[in-house]
Amino acid sequence: RDALRHVADCPAATHMDCPKFKRL
């Protein structure tokens, strides 16, 4: 849940640029 919330609000240009999304 916490990871999904982070990804939903992530300031990265794309989700593929988000390290947390990659770990997820």
PDB file of all heavy atoms in Angstrom:
ATOM      1  N   ARG A   1       0.831  -1.213   0.000  1.00  0.00           N
ATOM      2  CA  ARG A   1       0.000   0.000   0.000  1.00  0.00           C
ATOM      3  C   ARG A   1       0.864   1.261   0.000  1.00  0.00           C
ATOM      4  O   ARG A   1       0.642   2.185  -0.772  1.00  0.00           O
ATOM      5  CB  ARG A   1      -0.920   0.008   1.226  1.00  0.00           C
ATOM      6  CG  ARG A   1      -1.816   1.251   1.287  1.00  0.00           C
ATOM      7  CD  ARG A   1      -2.219   1.643   2.683  1.00  0.00           C
ATOM      8  NE  ARG A   1      -1.064   1.882   3.517  1.00  0.00           N
ATOM      9  CZ  ARG A   1      -1.064   1.724   4.842  1.00  0.00           C
ATOM     10  NH1 ARG A   1      -2.129   1.297   5.468  1.00  0.00           N
ATOM     11  NH2 ARG A   1       0.015   1.981   5.544  1.00  0.00           N
ATOM     12  N   ASP A   2       1.881   1.274   0.872  1.00  0.00           N
ATOM     13  CA  ASP A   2       2.759   2.444   0.960  1.00  0.00           C
ATOM     14  C   ASP A   2       3.505   2.679  -0.349  1.00  0.00           C
ATOM     15  O   ASP A   2       3.662   3.820  -0.791  1.00  0.00           O
ATOM     16  CB  ASP A   2       3.736   2.286   2.124  1.00  0.00           C
ATOM     17  CG  ASP A   2       3.045   2.316   3.482  1.00  0.00           C
ATOM     18  OD1 ASP A   2       1.861   2.717   3.552  1.00  0.00           O
ATOM     19  OD2 ASP A   2       3.693   1.906   4.477  1.00  0.00           O
ATOM     20  N   ALA A   3       3.953   1.587  -0.968  1.00  0.00           N
ATOM     21  CA  ALA A   3       4.662   1.721  -2.247  1.00  0.00           C
ATOM     22  C   ALA A   3       3.729   2.254  -3.332  1.00  0.00           C
ATOM     23  O   ALA A   3       4.109   3.130  -4.119  1.00  0.00           O
ATOM     24  CB  ALA A   3       5.259   0.379  -2.663  1.00  0.00           C
ATOM     25  N   LEU A   4       2.508   1.749  -3.373  1.00  0.00           N
ATOM     26  CA  LEU A   4       1.551   2.233  -4.369  1.00  0.00           C
ATOM     27  C   LEU A   4       1.231   3.709  -4.169  1.00  0.00           C
ATOM     28  O   LEU A   4       1.121   4.464  -5.139  1.00  0.00           O
ATOM     29  CB  LEU A   4       0.270   1.398  -4.326  1.00  0.00           C
ATOM     30  CG  LEU A   4       0.396  -0.033  -4.839  1.00  0.00           C
ATOM     31  CD1 LEU A   4      -0.892  -0.805  -4.565  1.00  0.00           C
ATOM     32  CD2 LEU A   4       0.742  -0.061  -6.310  1.00  0.00           C
ATOM     33  N   ARG A   5       1.079   4.112  -2.920  1.00  0.00           N
ATOM     34  CA  ARG A   5       0.823   5.535  -2.656  1.00  0.00           C
ATOM     35  C   ARG A   5       2.007   6.390  -3.108  1.00  0.00           C
ATOM     36  O   ARG A   5       1.821   7.459  -3.680  1.00  0.00           O
ATOM     37  CB  ARG A   5       0.530   5.757  -1.178  1.00  0.00           C
ATOM     38  CG  ARG A   5      -0.815   5.215  -0.760  1.00  0.00           C
ATOM     39  CD  ARG A   5      -1.283   5.815   0.551  1.00  0.00           C
ATOM     40  NE  ARG A   5      -2.425   5.114   1.079  1.00  0.00           N
ATOM     41  CZ  ARG A   5      -3.669   5.262   0.652  1.00  0.00           C
ATOM     42  NH1 ARG A   5      -3.914   6.082  -0.333  1.00  0.00           N
ATOM     43  NH2 ARG A   5      -4.658   4.595   1.194  1.00  0.00           N
ATOM     44  N   HIS A   6       3.218   5.890  -2.841  1.00  0.00           N
ATOM     45  CA  HIS A   6       4.398   6.642  -3.271  1.00  0.00           C
ATOM     46  C   HIS A   6       4.413   6.763  -4.794  1.00  0.00           C
ATOM     47  O   HIS A   6       4.629   7.852  -5.333  1.00  0.00           O
ATOM     48  CB  HIS A   6       5.696   5.967  -2.806  1.00  0.00           C
ATOM     49  CG  HIS A   6       6.899   6.575  -3.446  1.00  0.00           C
ATOM     50  ND1 HIS A   6       7.465   7.750  -2.982  1.00  0.00           N
ATOM     51  CD2 HIS A   6       7.609   6.216  -4.538  1.00  0.00           C
ATOM     52  CE1 HIS A   6       8.483   8.070  -3.767  1.00  0.00           C
ATOM     53  NE2 HIS A   6       8.588   7.139  -4.714  1.00  0.00           N
ATOM     54  N   VAL A   7       4.184   5.646  -5.477  1.00  0.00           N
ATOM     55  CA  VAL A   7       4.218   5.660  -6.935  1.00  0.00           C
ATOM     56  C   VAL A   7       3.133   6.590  -7.483  1.00  0.00           C
ATOM     57  O   VAL A   7       3.363   7.331  -8.438  1.00  0.00           O
ATOM     58  CB  VAL A   7       4.071   4.229  -7.503  1.00  0.00           C
ATOM     59  CG1 VAL A   7       3.881   4.248  -9.004  1.00  0.00           C
ATOM     60  CG2 VAL A   7       5.298   3.395  -7.129  1.00  0.00           C
ATOM     61  N   ALA A   8       1.968   6.586  -6.868  1.00  0.00           N
ATOM     62  CA  ALA A   8       0.878   7.456  -7.320  1.00  0.00           C
ATOM     63  C   ALA A   8       1.248   8.930  -7.187  1.00  0.00           C
ATOM     64  O   ALA A   8       0.829   9.756  -8.009  1.00  0.00           O
ATOM     65  CB  ALA A   8      -0.392   7.152  -6.523  1.00  0.00           C
ATOM     66  N   ASP A   9       2.045   9.256  -6.184  1.00  0.00           N
ATOM     67  CA  ASP A   9       2.421  10.652  -5.926  1.00  0.00           C
ATOM     68  C   ASP A   9       3.861  10.959  -6.307  1.00  0.00           C
ATOM     69  O   ASP A   9       4.350  12.054  -6.017  1.00  0.00           O
ATOM     70  CB  ASP A   9       2.217  10.972  -4.439  1.00  0.00           C
ATOM     71  CG  ASP A   9       0.765  10.826  -4.011  1.00  0.00           C
ATOM     72  OD1 ASP A   9      -0.121  11.055  -4.859  1.00  0.00           O
ATOM     73  OD2 ASP A   9       0.526  10.464  -2.844  1.00  0.00           O
ATOM     74  N   CYS A  10       4.546  10.020  -6.931  1.00  0.00           N
ATOM     75  CA  CYS A  10       5.969  10.159  -7.224  1.00  0.00           C
ATOM     76  C   CYS A  10       6.228  11.361  -8.139  1.00  0.00           C
ATOM     77  O   CYS A  10       5.554  11.534  -9.152  1.00  0.00           O
ATOM     78  CB  CYS A  10       6.478   8.879  -7.886  1.00  0.00           C
ATOM     79  SG  CYS A  10       8.255   8.920  -8.193  1.00  0.00           S
ATOM     80  N   PRO A  11       7.233  12.177  -7.789  1.00  0.00           N
ATOM     81  CA  PRO A  11       7.537  13.348  -8.618  1.00  0.00           C
ATOM     82  C   PRO A  11       8.374  13.005  -9.863  1.00  0.00           C
ATOM     83  O   PRO A  11       8.619  13.889 -10.693  1.00  0.00           O
ATOM     84  CB  PRO A  11       8.340  14.248  -7.661  1.00  0.00           C
ATOM     85  CG  PRO A  11       8.971  13.306  -6.701  1.00  0.00           C
ATOM     86  CD  PRO A  11       8.013  12.168  -6.548  1.00  0.00           C
ATOM     87  N   ALA A  12       8.781  11.755 -10.025  1.00  0.00           N
ATOM     88  CA  ALA A  12       9.583  11.381 -11.189  1.00  0.00           C
ATOM     89  C   ALA A  12       8.781  11.627 -12.470  1.00  0.00           C
ATOM     90  O   ALA A  12       7.556  11.542 -12.485  1.00  0.00           O
ATOM     91  CB  ALA A  12       9.986   9.911 -11.102  1.00  0.00           C
ATOM     92  N   ALA A  13       9.506  11.932 -13.546  1.00  0.00           N
ATOM     93  CA  ALA A  13       8.862  12.238 -14.829  1.00  0.00           C
ATOM     94  C   ALA A  13       8.007  11.068 -15.317  1.00  0.00           C
ATOM     95  O   ALA A  13       6.896  11.263 -15.811  1.00  0.00           O
ATOM     96  CB  ALA A  13       9.915  12.605 -15.867  1.00  0.00           C
ATOM     97  N   THR A  14       8.518   9.852 -15.177  1.00  0.00           N
ATOM     98  CA  THR A  14       7.735   8.660 -15.515  1.00  0.00           C
ATOM     99  C   THR A  14       7.916   7.656 -14.386  1.00  0.00           C
ATOM    100  O   THR A  14       8.873   7.736 -13.613  1.00  0.00           O
ATOM    101  CB  THR A  14       8.206   8.000 -16.832  1.00  0.00           C
ATOM    102  OG1 THR A  14       9.474   7.389 -16.617  1.00  0.00           O
ATOM    103  CG2 THR A  14       8.279   9.004 -17.968  1.00  0.00           C
ATOM    104  N   HIS A  15       7.030   6.700 -14.334  1.00  0.00           N
ATOM    105  CA  HIS A  15       7.143   5.687 -13.286  1.00  0.00           C
ATOM    106  C   HIS A  15       8.424   4.876 -13.446  1.00  0.00           C
ATOM    107  O   HIS A  15       9.005   4.425 -12.469  1.00  0.00           O
ATOM    108  CB  HIS A  15       5.920   4.758 -13.301  1.00  0.00           C
ATOM    109  CG  HIS A  15       4.694   5.436 -12.829  1.00  0.00           C
ATOM    110  ND1 HIS A  15       3.722   5.881 -13.677  1.00  0.00           N
ATOM    111  CD2 HIS A  15       4.289   5.785 -11.584  1.00  0.00           C
ATOM    112  CE1 HIS A  15       2.765   6.463 -12.986  1.00  0.00           C
ATOM    113  NE2 HIS A  15       3.082   6.422 -11.712  1.00  0.00           N
ATOM    114  N   MET A  16       8.874   4.709 -14.665  1.00  0.00           N
ATOM    115  CA  MET A  16      10.099   3.932 -14.897  1.00  0.00           C
ATOM    116  C   MET A  16      11.340   4.664 -14.398  1.00  0.00           C
ATOM    117  O   MET A  16      12.388   4.062 -14.233  1.00  0.00           O
ATOM    118  CB  MET A  16      10.240   3.587 -16.377  1.00  0.00           C
ATOM    119  CG  MET A  16       9.121   2.670 -16.885  1.00  0.00           C
ATOM    120  SD  MET A  16       8.807   1.219 -15.845  1.00  0.00           S
ATOM    121  CE  MET A  16      10.299   0.296 -16.077  1.00  0.00           C
ATOM    122  N   ASP A  17      11.232   5.963 -14.109  1.00  0.00           N
ATOM    123  CA  ASP A  17      12.341   6.721 -13.532  1.00  0.00           C
ATOM    124  C   ASP A  17      12.319   6.684 -12.008  1.00  0.00           C
ATOM    125  O   ASP A  17      13.238   7.187 -11.363  1.00  0.00           O
ATOM    126  CB  ASP A  17      12.287   8.190 -13.987  1.00  0.00           C
ATOM    127  CG  ASP A  17      12.533   8.348 -15.476  1.00  0.00           C
ATOM    128  OD1 ASP A  17      13.202   7.464 -16.060  1.00  0.00           O
ATOM    129  OD2 ASP A  17      12.045   9.345 -16.049  1.00  0.00           O
ATOM    130  N   CYS A  18      11.299   6.096 -11.436  1.00  0.00           N
ATOM    131  CA  CYS A  18      11.134   6.061  -9.981  1.00  0.00           C
ATOM    132  C   CYS A  18      11.786   4.802  -9.413  1.00  0.00           C
ATOM    133  O   CYS A  18      11.365   3.684  -9.726  1.00  0.00           O
ATOM    134  CB  CYS A  18       9.651   6.081  -9.628  1.00  0.00           C
ATOM    135  SG  CYS A  18       9.329   5.913  -7.860  1.00  0.00           S
ATOM    136  N   PRO A  19      12.805   4.935  -8.564  1.00  0.00           N
ATOM    137  CA  PRO A  19      13.470   3.762  -7.988  1.00  0.00           C
ATOM    138  C   PRO A  19      12.512   2.898  -7.152  1.00  0.00           C
ATOM    139  O   PRO A  19      12.601   1.675  -7.166  1.00  0.00           O
ATOM    140  CB  PRO A  19      14.575   4.343  -7.110  1.00  0.00           C
ATOM    141  CG  PRO A  19      14.693   5.774  -7.476  1.00  0.00           C
ATOM    142  CD  PRO A  19      13.427   6.179  -8.140  1.00  0.00           C
ATOM    143  N   LYS A  20      11.608   3.531  -6.454  1.00  0.00           N
ATOM    144  CA  LYS A  20      10.674   2.767  -5.624  1.00  0.00           C
ATOM    145  C   LYS A  20       9.732   1.930  -6.504  1.00  0.00           C
ATOM    146  O   LYS A  20       9.404   0.794  -6.173  1.00  0.00           O
ATOM    147  CB  LYS A  20       9.880   3.706  -4.720  1.00  0.00           C
ATOM    148  CG  LYS A  20       9.282   3.037  -3.530  1.00  0.00           C
ATOM    149  CD  LYS A  20       8.840   4.058  -2.505  1.00  0.00           C
ATOM    150  CE  LYS A  20       8.704   3.395  -1.153  1.00  0.00           C
ATOM    151  NZ  LYS A  20       8.505   4.340  -0.087  1.00  0.00           N
ATOM    152  N   PHE A  21       9.316   2.479  -7.631  1.00  0.00           N
ATOM    153  CA  PHE A  21       8.460   1.735  -8.555  1.00  0.00           C
ATOM    154  C   PHE A  21       9.224   0.541  -9.124  1.00  0.00           C
ATOM    155  O   PHE A  21       8.676  -0.558  -9.230  1.00  0.00           O
ATOM    156  CB  PHE A  21       7.970   2.642  -9.686  1.00  0.00           C
ATOM    157  CG  PHE A  21       7.050   1.952 -10.651  1.00  0.00           C
ATOM    158  CD1 PHE A  21       5.778   1.572 -10.265  1.00  0.00           C
ATOM    159  CD2 PHE A  21       7.471   1.676 -11.950  1.00  0.00           C
ATOM    160  CE1 PHE A  21       4.927   0.936 -11.154  1.00  0.00           C
ATOM    161  CE2 PHE A  21       6.620   1.036 -12.841  1.00  0.00           C
ATOM    162  CZ  PHE A  21       5.350   0.667 -12.446  1.00  0.00           C
ATOM    163  N   LYS A  22      10.491   0.725  -9.437  1.00  0.00           N
ATOM    164  CA  LYS A  22      11.309  -0.383  -9.952  1.00  0.00           C
ATOM    165  C   LYS A  22      11.429  -1.490  -8.899  1.00  0.00           C
ATOM    166  O   LYS A  22      11.324  -2.671  -9.220  1.00  0.00           O
ATOM    167  CB  LYS A  22      12.679   0.120 -10.379  1.00  0.00           C
ATOM    168  CG  LYS A  22      12.649   0.940 -11.649  1.00  0.00           C
ATOM    169  CD  LYS A  22      14.052   1.396 -12.020  1.00  0.00           C
ATOM    170  CE  LYS A  22      14.020   2.253 -13.261  1.00  0.00           C
ATOM    171  NZ  LYS A  22      15.348   2.746 -13.625  1.00  0.00           N
ATOM    172  N   ARG A  23      11.633  -1.112  -7.633  1.00  0.00           N
ATOM    173  CA  ARG A  23      11.700  -2.119  -6.562  1.00  0.00           C
ATOM    174  C   ARG A  23      10.366  -2.839  -6.405  1.00  0.00           C
ATOM    175  O   ARG A  23      10.316  -4.050  -6.178  1.00  0.00           O
ATOM    176  CB  ARG A  23      12.117  -1.471  -5.238  1.00  0.00           C
ATOM    177  CG  ARG A  23      13.596  -1.117  -5.169  1.00  0.00           C
ATOM    178  CD  ARG A  23      14.036  -0.794  -3.744  1.00  0.00           C
ATOM    179  NE  ARG A  23      13.263   0.247  -3.103  1.00  0.00           N
ATOM    180  CZ  ARG A  23      13.514   1.556  -3.175  1.00  0.00           C
ATOM    181  NH1 ARG A  23      14.545   1.996  -3.869  1.00  0.00           N
ATOM    182  NH2 ARG A  23      12.753   2.421  -2.543  1.00  0.00           N
ATOM    183  N   LEU A  24       9.286  -2.104  -6.557  1.00  0.00           N
ATOM    184  CA  LEU A  24       7.956  -2.700  -6.469  1.00  0.00           C
ATOM    185  C   LEU A  24       7.760  -3.728  -7.580  1.00  0.00           C
ATOM    186  O   LEU A  24       7.252  -4.821  -7.350  1.00  0.00           O
ATOM    187  CB  LEU A  24       6.883  -1.610  -6.544  1.00  0.00           C
ATOM    188  CG  LEU A  24       5.425  -2.058  -6.522  1.00  0.00           C
ATOM    189  CD1 LEU A  24       5.100  -2.788  -5.230  1.00  0.00           C
ATOM    190  CD2 LEU A  24       4.508  -0.857  -6.696  1.00  0.00           C
TER     191      LEU A  24
END
